[in-house]
């Protein structure tokens, strides 16, 4: 509990700092891997000349998760999930990309753009539909969804299931982009 309070206070202090323009903060599977939809979106941006002046910051739960392919790139850095640097970049990056959610203390700032590219198709019960879950277990997911500017979904089924299971279907004001799974597109793309 003390650690959570400390992170919450650090985050509140970081919110007073200016937005880091052209900085993209990315997280996949709560920092467990540098993979999935977040990686696909990163690679699309990284190789696109329009983003050559951008900085990319990856959240990782372990520094062992660093992709050697990008380790030496000057505009790509890695921060340990929950660290002071993690909190700073979460609070101050202009763009936020994840395939799950950010921590409970996260609140998107007005000048941030939040892209959620959900990590899969919900064939199992999620959110309020989980039978034996605590009553408010899905609150952080719901809050993250409501902060989202762009929700990337592979299908209408996924969109409806996720938004309804998180009590967000009537409240969500972001843009839904039913464009498939970026990670699947990446597996078909030939990089030269």
N, C-alpha and C. Protein backbone atom coordinates (compact mmCIF):
# COMPACT_ATOMS: atom_id res chain seq x y z
N UNK A 1 0.83 -1.21 0.00
CA UNK A 1 0.00 0.00 0.00
C UNK A 1 0.86 1.25 0.00
N UNK A 2 1.93 1.28 0.78
CA UNK A 2 2.80 2.46 0.80
C UNK A 2 3.42 2.72 -0.56
N UNK A 3 3.77 1.63 -1.27
CA UNK A 3 4.35 1.77 -2.60
C UNK A 3 3.33 2.39 -3.56
N UNK A 4 2.08 1.97 -3.47
CA UNK A 4 1.02 2.55 -4.32
C UNK A 4 0.82 4.02 -4.00
N UNK A 5 0.84 4.38 -2.72
CA UNK A 5 0.70 5.79 -2.33
C UNK A 5 1.85 6.62 -2.87
N UNK A 6 3.05 6.06 -2.78
CA UNK A 6 4.24 6.77 -3.27
C UNK A 6 4.13 7.00 -4.79
N UNK A 7 3.70 5.98 -5.52
CA UNK A 7 3.55 6.12 -6.98
C UNK A 7 2.47 7.14 -7.32
N UNK A 8 1.39 7.10 -6.57
CA UNK A 8 0.30 8.06 -6.80
C UNK A 8 0.77 9.50 -6.58
N UNK A 9 1.56 9.72 -5.54
CA UNK A 9 2.08 11.06 -5.26
C UNK A 9 3.07 11.50 -6.33
N UNK A 10 3.93 10.57 -6.76
CA UNK A 10 4.88 10.91 -7.83
C UNK A 10 4.15 11.26 -9.12
N UNK A 11 3.11 10.49 -9.40
CA UNK A 11 2.34 10.76 -10.61
C UNK A 11 1.68 12.14 -10.53
N UNK A 12 1.08 12.46 -9.40
CA UNK A 12 0.44 13.77 -9.22
C UNK A 12 1.46 14.89 -9.40
N UNK A 13 2.67 14.71 -8.89
CA UNK A 13 3.71 15.73 -9.06
C UNK A 13 4.14 15.83 -10.53
N UNK A 14 4.23 14.69 -11.21
CA UNK A 14 4.65 14.68 -12.61
C UNK A 14 3.62 15.37 -13.51
N UNK A 15 2.36 15.36 -13.11
CA UNK A 15 1.32 16.02 -13.91
C UNK A 15 1.53 17.53 -14.02
N UNK A 16 2.35 18.09 -13.13
CA UNK A 16 2.63 19.53 -13.16
C UNK A 16 3.71 19.88 -14.17
N UNK A 17 4.39 18.86 -14.70
CA UNK A 17 5.46 19.09 -15.68
C UNK A 17 4.83 19.22 -17.07
N UNK A 18 5.55 19.89 -17.99
CA UNK A 18 4.99 20.07 -19.33
C UNK A 18 4.93 18.75 -20.11
N UNK A 19 4.05 18.73 -21.09
CA UNK A 19 3.92 17.59 -21.99
C UNK A 19 5.20 17.49 -22.84
N UNK A 20 5.69 16.28 -23.01
CA UNK A 20 6.86 16.03 -23.85
C UNK A 20 6.38 15.81 -25.28
N UNK A 21 6.45 16.86 -26.05
CA UNK A 21 5.98 16.80 -27.44
C UNK A 21 6.77 15.77 -28.23
N UNK A 22 6.10 15.14 -29.18
CA UNK A 22 6.70 14.11 -30.04
C UNK A 22 7.32 12.96 -29.24
N UNK A 23 6.75 12.68 -28.09
CA UNK A 23 7.19 11.53 -27.30
C UNK A 23 6.05 10.53 -27.23
N UNK A 24 6.37 9.27 -27.56
CA UNK A 24 5.39 8.20 -27.59
C UNK A 24 5.76 7.20 -26.51
N UNK A 25 4.85 6.99 -25.57
CA UNK A 25 5.05 6.04 -24.49
C UNK A 25 4.27 4.78 -24.82
N UNK A 26 4.95 3.62 -24.81
CA UNK A 26 4.33 2.37 -25.22
C UNK A 26 4.43 1.31 -24.13
N UNK A 27 3.38 0.49 -24.06
CA UNK A 27 3.40 -0.63 -23.12
C UNK A 27 2.63 -1.79 -23.74
N UNK A 28 3.17 -3.00 -23.58
CA UNK A 28 2.50 -4.21 -24.05
C UNK A 28 2.39 -5.18 -22.88
N UNK A 29 1.20 -5.74 -22.69
CA UNK A 29 0.97 -6.74 -21.64
C UNK A 29 1.54 -6.30 -20.29
N UNK A 30 1.21 -5.08 -19.89
CA UNK A 30 1.64 -4.51 -18.61
C UNK A 30 3.16 -4.49 -18.46
N UNK A 31 3.85 -4.35 -19.58
CA UNK A 31 5.31 -4.27 -19.55
C UNK A 31 6.01 -5.62 -19.59
N UNK A 32 5.25 -6.69 -19.68
CA UNK A 32 5.86 -8.02 -19.65
C UNK A 32 6.67 -8.33 -20.90
N UNK A 33 6.26 -7.81 -22.03
CA UNK A 33 6.95 -8.07 -23.29
C UNK A 33 6.90 -6.85 -24.18
N UNK A 34 7.85 -6.77 -25.09
CA UNK A 34 7.82 -5.75 -26.14
C UNK A 34 7.31 -6.49 -27.38
N UNK A 35 5.99 -6.52 -27.51
CA UNK A 35 5.37 -7.37 -28.51
C UNK A 35 3.97 -6.90 -28.85
N UNK A 36 3.27 -7.70 -29.63
CA UNK A 36 1.84 -7.51 -29.88
C UNK A 36 1.49 -6.26 -30.66
N UNK A 37 0.29 -5.76 -30.39
CA UNK A 37 -0.22 -4.60 -31.11
C UNK A 37 0.62 -3.35 -30.84
N UNK A 38 1.12 -3.21 -29.62
CA UNK A 38 1.95 -2.04 -29.30
C UNK A 38 3.23 -2.05 -30.13
N UNK A 39 3.86 -3.22 -30.25
CA UNK A 39 5.07 -3.33 -31.07
C UNK A 39 4.76 -3.03 -32.53
N UNK A 40 3.66 -3.55 -33.04
CA UNK A 40 3.29 -3.31 -34.44
C UNK A 40 3.09 -1.82 -34.70
N UNK A 41 2.40 -1.12 -33.79
CA UNK A 41 2.20 0.32 -33.97
C UNK A 41 3.53 1.07 -33.87
N UNK A 42 4.37 0.66 -32.93
CA UNK A 42 5.70 1.26 -32.79
C UNK A 42 6.49 1.12 -34.09
N UNK A 43 6.55 -0.10 -34.63
CA UNK A 43 7.34 -0.32 -35.83
C UNK A 43 6.79 0.48 -37.01
N UNK A 44 5.50 0.57 -37.10
CA UNK A 44 4.90 1.36 -38.18
C UNK A 44 5.34 2.83 -38.06
N UNK A 45 5.33 3.36 -36.85
CA UNK A 45 5.74 4.75 -36.64
C UNK A 45 7.25 4.91 -36.79
N UNK A 46 8.00 4.00 -36.21
CA UNK A 46 9.46 4.11 -36.20
C UNK A 46 10.03 4.17 -37.62
N UNK A 47 9.47 3.38 -38.53
CA UNK A 47 9.99 3.34 -39.90
C UNK A 47 9.32 4.35 -40.83
N UNK A 48 8.36 5.09 -40.33
CA UNK A 48 7.67 6.10 -41.13
C UNK A 48 8.44 7.42 -40.99
N UNK A 49 8.89 8.00 -42.10
CA UNK A 49 9.67 9.24 -42.04
C UNK A 49 8.96 10.40 -41.34
N UNK A 50 7.63 10.37 -41.29
CA UNK A 50 6.90 11.43 -40.60
C UNK A 50 7.19 11.46 -39.10
N UNK A 51 7.71 10.35 -38.55
CA UNK A 51 7.98 10.25 -37.12
C UNK A 51 9.47 10.22 -36.80
N UNK A 52 10.31 10.63 -37.74
CA UNK A 52 11.76 10.54 -37.53
C UNK A 52 12.25 11.41 -36.37
N UNK A 53 11.53 12.45 -36.03
CA UNK A 53 11.94 13.33 -34.93
C UNK A 53 11.23 12.99 -33.62
N UNK A 54 10.60 11.84 -33.56
CA UNK A 54 9.88 11.42 -32.36
C UNK A 54 10.79 10.59 -31.46
N UNK A 55 10.49 10.63 -30.18
CA UNK A 55 11.15 9.77 -29.21
C UNK A 55 10.17 8.71 -28.76
N UNK A 56 10.66 7.49 -28.60
CA UNK A 56 9.83 6.36 -28.21
C UNK A 56 10.33 5.81 -26.88
N UNK A 57 9.42 5.63 -25.94
CA UNK A 57 9.76 5.13 -24.61
C UNK A 57 8.92 3.90 -24.34
N UNK A 58 9.57 2.78 -24.09
CA UNK A 58 8.89 1.51 -23.79
C UNK A 58 8.89 1.25 -22.30
N UNK A 59 7.76 0.82 -21.79
CA UNK A 59 7.63 0.34 -20.42
C UNK A 59 7.94 -1.16 -20.44
N UNK A 60 8.86 -1.58 -19.56
CA UNK A 60 9.18 -3.01 -19.43
C UNK A 60 9.22 -3.38 -17.95
N UNK A 61 8.75 -4.57 -17.63
CA UNK A 61 8.78 -5.02 -16.24
C UNK A 61 10.18 -5.45 -15.84
N UNK A 62 10.98 -5.80 -16.83
CA UNK A 62 12.36 -6.19 -16.60
C UNK A 62 13.20 -5.64 -17.74
N UNK A 63 14.37 -5.16 -17.41
CA UNK A 63 15.24 -4.63 -18.46
C UNK A 63 15.75 -5.75 -19.37
N UNK A 64 15.50 -7.00 -19.00
CA UNK A 64 15.83 -8.15 -19.86
C UNK A 64 14.89 -8.20 -21.06
N UNK A 65 13.77 -7.51 -21.00
CA UNK A 65 12.78 -7.53 -22.07
C UNK A 65 13.10 -6.57 -23.22
N UNK A 66 14.25 -5.95 -23.16
CA UNK A 66 14.62 -4.97 -24.19
C UNK A 66 14.95 -5.67 -25.49
N UNK A 67 14.36 -5.22 -26.56
CA UNK A 67 14.60 -5.77 -27.89
C UNK A 67 15.97 -5.30 -28.37
N UNK A 68 16.92 -6.23 -28.58
CA UNK A 68 18.27 -5.84 -29.00
C UNK A 68 18.28 -5.05 -30.31
N UNK A 69 17.27 -5.27 -31.13
CA UNK A 69 17.16 -4.57 -32.41
C UNK A 69 17.10 -3.06 -32.24
N UNK A 70 16.50 -2.61 -31.12
CA UNK A 70 16.33 -1.17 -30.89
C UNK A 70 17.15 -0.65 -29.71
N UNK A 71 17.89 -1.50 -29.08
CA UNK A 71 18.61 -1.13 -27.85
C UNK A 71 19.56 0.06 -28.05
N UNK A 72 20.20 0.15 -29.19
CA UNK A 72 21.19 1.19 -29.43
C UNK A 72 20.64 2.41 -30.18
N UNK A 73 19.36 2.43 -30.46
CA UNK A 73 18.78 3.56 -31.19
C UNK A 73 18.66 4.76 -30.27
N UNK A 74 19.09 5.92 -30.76
CA UNK A 74 19.12 7.10 -29.90
C UNK A 74 17.72 7.60 -29.52
N UNK A 75 16.72 7.33 -30.34
CA UNK A 75 15.39 7.84 -30.03
C UNK A 75 14.45 6.78 -29.44
N UNK A 76 15.02 5.67 -28.95
CA UNK A 76 14.24 4.63 -28.28
C UNK A 76 14.86 4.38 -26.92
N UNK A 77 14.04 4.47 -25.86
CA UNK A 77 14.54 4.15 -24.53
C UNK A 77 13.55 3.24 -23.82
N UNK A 78 14.04 2.64 -22.77
CA UNK A 78 13.24 1.70 -21.99
C UNK A 78 13.26 2.13 -20.53
N UNK A 79 12.09 2.05 -19.90
CA UNK A 79 11.98 2.37 -18.47
C UNK A 79 11.28 1.22 -17.77
N UNK A 80 11.68 0.99 -16.55
CA UNK A 80 11.10 -0.10 -15.78
C UNK A 80 9.71 0.31 -15.28
N UNK A 81 8.74 -0.57 -15.50
CA UNK A 81 7.35 -0.29 -15.11
C UNK A 81 7.27 0.04 -13.62
N UNK A 82 6.62 1.15 -13.31
CA UNK A 82 6.45 1.57 -11.92
C UNK A 82 7.56 2.45 -11.38
N UNK A 83 8.66 2.60 -12.13
CA UNK A 83 9.79 3.42 -11.67
C UNK A 83 9.46 4.91 -11.77
N UNK A 84 10.34 5.74 -11.23
CA UNK A 84 10.16 7.19 -11.33
C UNK A 84 10.09 7.64 -12.79
N UNK A 85 10.97 7.08 -13.62
CA UNK A 85 10.97 7.45 -15.04
C UNK A 85 9.68 6.99 -15.72
N UNK A 86 9.22 5.81 -15.36
CA UNK A 86 7.95 5.31 -15.92
C UNK A 86 6.84 6.30 -15.62
N UNK A 87 6.75 6.71 -14.37
CA UNK A 87 5.69 7.63 -13.94
C UNK A 87 5.81 8.96 -14.68
N UNK A 88 7.03 9.45 -14.84
CA UNK A 88 7.25 10.72 -15.56
C UNK A 88 6.76 10.60 -17.00
N UNK A 89 7.17 9.54 -17.69
CA UNK A 89 6.78 9.40 -19.11
C UNK A 89 5.29 9.12 -19.26
N UNK A 90 4.69 8.38 -18.34
CA UNK A 90 3.25 8.15 -18.39
C UNK A 90 2.50 9.47 -18.22
N UNK A 91 2.97 10.30 -17.34
CA UNK A 91 2.30 11.57 -17.06
C UNK A 91 2.57 12.64 -18.12
N UNK A 92 3.71 12.54 -18.81
CA UNK A 92 4.12 13.67 -19.65
C UNK A 92 4.24 13.38 -21.15
N UNK A 93 4.20 12.14 -21.58
CA UNK A 93 4.32 11.85 -23.01
C UNK A 93 3.10 12.35 -23.76
N UNK A 94 3.34 12.86 -24.94
CA UNK A 94 2.22 13.37 -25.75
C UNK A 94 1.32 12.24 -26.24
N UNK A 95 1.91 11.09 -26.56
CA UNK A 95 1.15 9.94 -27.06
C UNK A 95 1.33 8.74 -26.14
N UNK A 96 0.25 8.05 -25.89
CA UNK A 96 0.26 6.85 -25.03
C UNK A 96 -0.35 5.70 -25.82
N UNK A 97 0.36 4.57 -25.86
CA UNK A 97 -0.13 3.39 -26.58
C UNK A 97 -0.01 2.19 -25.67
N UNK A 98 -1.11 1.43 -25.55
CA UNK A 98 -1.08 0.19 -24.78
C UNK A 98 -2.05 -0.81 -25.39
N UNK A 99 -1.87 -2.08 -24.99
CA UNK A 99 -2.80 -3.12 -25.43
C UNK A 99 -3.59 -3.68 -24.25
N UNK A 100 -3.39 -3.09 -23.08
CA UNK A 100 -4.18 -3.46 -21.89
C UNK A 100 -4.61 -2.17 -21.21
N UNK A 101 -4.05 -1.89 -20.03
CA UNK A 101 -4.39 -0.66 -19.32
C UNK A 101 -3.15 -0.11 -18.60
N UNK A 102 -3.23 1.15 -18.23
CA UNK A 102 -2.21 1.76 -17.39
C UNK A 102 -2.67 1.65 -15.93
N UNK A 103 -1.78 1.91 -14.96
CA UNK A 103 -2.11 1.71 -13.54
C UNK A 103 -3.28 2.56 -13.05
N UNK A 104 -3.78 2.20 -11.90
CA UNK A 104 -4.96 2.84 -11.30
C UNK A 104 -4.79 4.34 -11.10
N UNK A 105 -3.58 4.81 -10.91
CA UNK A 105 -3.36 6.25 -10.65
C UNK A 105 -3.33 7.07 -11.94
N UNK A 106 -3.34 6.43 -13.08
CA UNK A 106 -3.27 7.14 -14.37
C UNK A 106 -4.56 7.91 -14.64
N UNK A 107 -4.38 9.15 -15.09
CA UNK A 107 -5.47 9.97 -15.62
C UNK A 107 -4.91 10.75 -16.80
N UNK A 108 -5.49 10.55 -17.95
CA UNK A 108 -5.00 11.20 -19.16
C UNK A 108 -5.14 12.71 -19.07
N UNK A 109 -4.10 13.38 -19.50
CA UNK A 109 -4.14 14.84 -19.55
C UNK A 109 -4.78 15.30 -20.86
N UNK A 110 -5.28 16.51 -20.84
CA UNK A 110 -5.97 17.08 -22.00
C UNK A 110 -5.10 17.06 -23.26
N UNK A 111 -3.82 17.31 -23.12
CA UNK A 111 -2.92 17.39 -24.27
C UNK A 111 -2.30 16.04 -24.66
N UNK A 112 -2.73 14.97 -24.03
CA UNK A 112 -2.24 13.64 -24.39
C UNK A 112 -3.23 12.97 -25.33
N UNK A 113 -2.70 12.10 -26.18
CA UNK A 113 -3.53 11.26 -27.05
C UNK A 113 -3.30 9.82 -26.63
N UNK A 114 -4.39 9.12 -26.33
CA UNK A 114 -4.32 7.75 -25.81
C UNK A 114 -4.88 6.78 -26.84
N UNK A 115 -4.03 5.84 -27.25
CA UNK A 115 -4.41 4.81 -28.21
C UNK A 115 -4.41 3.46 -27.50
N UNK A 116 -5.56 2.82 -27.47
CA UNK A 116 -5.66 1.49 -26.89
C UNK A 116 -5.91 0.50 -28.03
N UNK A 117 -4.97 -0.42 -28.20
CA UNK A 117 -5.09 -1.46 -29.22
C UNK A 117 -5.24 -2.79 -28.47
N UNK A 118 -6.47 -3.11 -28.10
CA UNK A 118 -6.73 -4.27 -27.24
C UNK A 118 -6.03 -5.51 -27.75
N UNK A 119 -5.54 -6.34 -26.85
CA UNK A 119 -4.62 -7.44 -27.17
C UNK A 119 -5.26 -8.70 -27.74
N UNK A 120 -6.55 -8.81 -27.77
CA UNK A 120 -7.13 -10.03 -28.32
C UNK A 120 -8.63 -9.92 -28.55
N UNK A 121 -9.20 -11.03 -28.97
CA UNK A 121 -10.64 -11.11 -29.16
C UNK A 121 -11.23 -11.76 -27.91
N UNK A 122 -12.18 -11.11 -27.26
CA UNK A 122 -12.69 -11.58 -25.96
C UNK A 122 -13.67 -12.76 -26.07
N UNK A 123 -13.11 -13.95 -26.19
CA UNK A 123 -13.96 -15.15 -26.24
C UNK A 123 -14.27 -15.66 -24.84
N UNK A 124 -13.61 -15.11 -23.84
CA UNK A 124 -13.89 -15.49 -22.45
C UNK A 124 -14.61 -14.33 -21.76
N UNK A 125 -15.12 -14.60 -20.58
CA UNK A 125 -15.79 -13.54 -19.82
C UNK A 125 -14.74 -12.52 -19.36
N UNK A 126 -15.08 -11.24 -19.51
CA UNK A 126 -14.20 -10.16 -19.05
C UNK A 126 -15.04 -9.11 -18.33
N UNK A 127 -14.35 -8.26 -17.57
CA UNK A 127 -15.02 -7.15 -16.90
C UNK A 127 -16.13 -7.60 -15.98
N UNK A 128 -17.27 -6.93 -16.05
CA UNK A 128 -18.40 -7.22 -15.17
C UNK A 128 -19.02 -8.59 -15.43
N UNK A 129 -18.64 -9.23 -16.56
CA UNK A 129 -19.20 -10.53 -16.91
C UNK A 129 -18.50 -11.69 -16.22
N UNK A 130 -17.40 -11.43 -15.52
CA UNK A 130 -16.71 -12.49 -14.78
C UNK A 130 -17.54 -12.79 -13.54
N UNK A 131 -17.97 -14.03 -13.41
CA UNK A 131 -18.93 -14.43 -12.38
C UNK A 131 -18.43 -14.17 -10.97
N UNK A 132 -17.23 -14.58 -10.64
CA UNK A 132 -16.76 -14.49 -9.25
C UNK A 132 -15.78 -13.34 -9.01
N UNK A 133 -15.80 -12.34 -9.86
CA UNK A 133 -14.91 -11.20 -9.68
C UNK A 133 -15.46 -10.25 -8.63
N UNK A 134 -14.56 -9.52 -7.99
CA UNK A 134 -15.00 -8.49 -7.05
C UNK A 134 -15.85 -7.47 -7.80
N UNK A 135 -16.79 -6.88 -7.10
CA UNK A 135 -17.77 -5.97 -7.73
C UNK A 135 -17.13 -4.88 -8.59
N UNK A 136 -16.02 -4.33 -8.13
CA UNK A 136 -15.40 -3.22 -8.86
C UNK A 136 -14.05 -3.59 -9.47
N UNK A 137 -13.83 -4.89 -9.71
CA UNK A 137 -12.55 -5.35 -10.24
C UNK A 137 -12.23 -4.74 -11.61
N UNK A 138 -13.23 -4.42 -12.37
CA UNK A 138 -13.00 -3.89 -13.72
C UNK A 138 -12.93 -2.36 -13.78
N UNK A 139 -12.96 -1.70 -12.63
CA UNK A 139 -13.00 -0.23 -12.64
C UNK A 139 -11.81 0.42 -13.35
N UNK A 140 -10.60 -0.12 -13.16
CA UNK A 140 -9.44 0.50 -13.82
C UNK A 140 -9.51 0.32 -15.33
N UNK A 141 -9.99 -0.82 -15.79
CA UNK A 141 -10.14 -1.02 -17.24
C UNK A 141 -11.17 -0.03 -17.78
N UNK A 142 -12.28 0.08 -17.09
CA UNK A 142 -13.32 1.02 -17.52
C UNK A 142 -12.76 2.45 -17.57
N UNK A 143 -12.05 2.85 -16.55
CA UNK A 143 -11.48 4.21 -16.52
C UNK A 143 -10.52 4.41 -17.69
N UNK A 144 -9.67 3.43 -17.95
CA UNK A 144 -8.73 3.54 -19.07
C UNK A 144 -9.47 3.66 -20.40
N UNK A 145 -10.50 2.86 -20.58
CA UNK A 145 -11.28 2.93 -21.82
C UNK A 145 -11.90 4.31 -21.99
N UNK A 146 -12.41 4.86 -20.91
CA UNK A 146 -13.05 6.18 -21.00
C UNK A 146 -12.04 7.30 -21.28
N UNK A 147 -10.76 7.06 -20.98
CA UNK A 147 -9.71 8.03 -21.31
C UNK A 147 -9.22 7.89 -22.75
N UNK A 148 -9.55 6.78 -23.39
CA UNK A 148 -9.01 6.46 -24.71
C UNK A 148 -9.54 7.39 -25.80
N UNK A 149 -8.62 7.90 -26.60
CA UNK A 149 -9.00 8.72 -27.76
C UNK A 149 -9.28 7.84 -28.97
N UNK A 150 -8.46 6.80 -29.15
CA UNK A 150 -8.61 5.89 -30.29
C UNK A 150 -8.55 4.46 -29.79
N UNK A 151 -9.64 3.74 -29.98
CA UNK A 151 -9.73 2.34 -29.57
C UNK A 151 -9.63 1.47 -30.82
N UNK A 152 -8.49 0.77 -30.97
CA UNK A 152 -8.28 -0.08 -32.13
C UNK A 152 -8.82 -1.47 -31.83
N UNK A 153 -9.71 -1.92 -32.69
CA UNK A 153 -10.41 -3.19 -32.49
C UNK A 153 -10.39 -3.99 -33.78
N UNK A 154 -10.31 -5.32 -33.67
CA UNK A 154 -10.33 -6.13 -34.89
C UNK A 154 -11.73 -6.32 -35.47
N UNK A 155 -12.77 -6.08 -34.68
CA UNK A 155 -14.13 -6.38 -35.17
C UNK A 155 -15.19 -5.69 -34.33
N UNK A 156 -16.40 -5.63 -34.87
CA UNK A 156 -17.55 -5.09 -34.14
C UNK A 156 -17.81 -5.94 -32.90
N UNK A 157 -17.67 -7.27 -33.00
CA UNK A 157 -17.85 -8.16 -31.86
C UNK A 157 -16.93 -7.77 -30.71
N UNK A 158 -15.64 -7.58 -31.01
CA UNK A 158 -14.67 -7.21 -29.98
C UNK A 158 -15.03 -5.86 -29.37
N UNK A 159 -15.33 -4.90 -30.21
CA UNK A 159 -15.70 -3.56 -29.72
C UNK A 159 -16.88 -3.64 -28.77
N UNK A 160 -17.95 -4.26 -29.21
CA UNK A 160 -19.17 -4.35 -28.38
C UNK A 160 -18.92 -5.11 -27.09
N UNK A 161 -18.22 -6.23 -27.17
CA UNK A 161 -17.98 -7.05 -25.98
C UNK A 161 -17.15 -6.30 -24.96
N UNK A 162 -16.08 -5.67 -25.39
CA UNK A 162 -15.20 -4.96 -24.45
C UNK A 162 -15.91 -3.76 -23.85
N UNK A 163 -16.52 -2.94 -24.67
CA UNK A 163 -17.17 -1.74 -24.13
C UNK A 163 -18.32 -2.09 -23.19
N UNK A 164 -19.14 -3.08 -23.54
CA UNK A 164 -20.25 -3.47 -22.67
C UNK A 164 -19.77 -4.11 -21.38
N UNK A 165 -18.77 -4.98 -21.47
CA UNK A 165 -18.28 -5.67 -20.27
C UNK A 165 -17.60 -4.72 -19.29
N UNK A 166 -17.22 -3.55 -19.75
CA UNK A 166 -16.55 -2.57 -18.90
C UNK A 166 -17.47 -1.39 -18.56
N UNK A 167 -18.78 -1.56 -18.78
CA UNK A 167 -19.76 -0.50 -18.51
C UNK A 167 -19.41 0.80 -19.24
N UNK A 168 -18.82 0.69 -20.42
CA UNK A 168 -18.35 1.87 -21.13
C UNK A 168 -19.10 2.15 -22.42
N UNK A 169 -19.98 1.26 -22.83
CA UNK A 169 -20.62 1.38 -24.14
C UNK A 169 -21.44 2.66 -24.28
N UNK A 170 -22.09 3.11 -23.22
CA UNK A 170 -22.91 4.32 -23.30
C UNK A 170 -22.09 5.60 -23.06
N UNK A 171 -20.89 5.44 -22.50
CA UNK A 171 -20.10 6.60 -22.08
C UNK A 171 -18.90 6.90 -22.97
N UNK A 172 -18.43 5.91 -23.69
CA UNK A 172 -17.21 6.07 -24.48
C UNK A 172 -17.37 7.17 -25.53
N UNK A 173 -16.43 8.13 -25.53
CA UNK A 173 -16.54 9.25 -26.46
C UNK A 173 -15.36 9.30 -27.45
N UNK A 174 -14.46 8.32 -27.36
CA UNK A 174 -13.34 8.27 -28.29
C UNK A 174 -13.78 7.73 -29.64
N UNK A 175 -12.82 7.54 -30.49
CA UNK A 175 -13.09 7.01 -31.83
C UNK A 175 -12.72 5.54 -31.89
N UNK A 176 -13.65 4.71 -32.36
CA UNK A 176 -13.39 3.29 -32.54
C UNK A 176 -12.86 3.08 -33.95
N UNK A 177 -11.73 2.38 -34.04
CA UNK A 177 -11.13 2.08 -35.33
C UNK A 177 -11.13 0.55 -35.49
N UNK A 178 -12.13 0.04 -36.17
CA UNK A 178 -12.22 -1.40 -36.39
C UNK A 178 -11.42 -1.74 -37.66
N UNK A 179 -10.11 -1.84 -37.46
CA UNK A 179 -9.18 -1.97 -38.58
C UNK A 179 -8.36 -3.25 -38.52
N UNK A 180 -8.73 -4.17 -37.66
CA UNK A 180 -7.97 -5.41 -37.53
C UNK A 180 -6.98 -5.34 -36.39
N UNK A 181 -6.11 -6.31 -36.34
CA UNK A 181 -5.08 -6.40 -35.30
C UNK A 181 -3.75 -5.95 -35.88
N UNK A 182 -3.19 -4.85 -35.39
CA UNK A 182 -1.89 -4.40 -35.91
C UNK A 182 -0.82 -5.50 -35.87
N UNK A 183 -0.84 -6.35 -34.83
CA UNK A 183 0.19 -7.40 -34.74
C UNK A 183 0.05 -8.43 -35.86
N UNK A 184 -1.17 -8.69 -36.32
CA UNK A 184 -1.38 -9.61 -37.43
C UNK A 184 -0.88 -8.96 -38.72
N UNK A 185 -1.20 -7.68 -38.90
CA UNK A 185 -0.72 -6.96 -40.07
C UNK A 185 0.81 -6.98 -40.13
N UNK A 186 1.46 -6.81 -38.98
CA UNK A 186 2.92 -6.80 -38.91
C UNK A 186 3.50 -8.13 -39.37
N UNK A 187 2.85 -9.21 -39.04
CA UNK A 187 3.38 -10.53 -39.42
C UNK A 187 3.34 -10.75 -40.93
N UNK A 188 2.49 -9.99 -41.64
CA UNK A 188 2.40 -10.12 -43.09
C UNK A 188 3.24 -9.08 -43.83
N UNK A 189 3.71 -8.10 -43.09
CA UNK A 189 4.44 -7.00 -43.73
C UNK A 189 5.91 -7.36 -43.93
N UNK A 190 6.43 -7.05 -45.08
CA UNK A 190 7.83 -7.36 -45.37
C UNK A 190 8.65 -6.10 -45.16
N UNK A 191 9.51 -6.12 -44.15
CA UNK A 191 10.40 -4.97 -43.88
C UNK A 191 11.69 -5.16 -44.65
N UNK A 192 12.12 -4.14 -45.31
CA UNK A 192 13.38 -4.23 -46.06
C UNK A 192 14.51 -3.65 -45.25
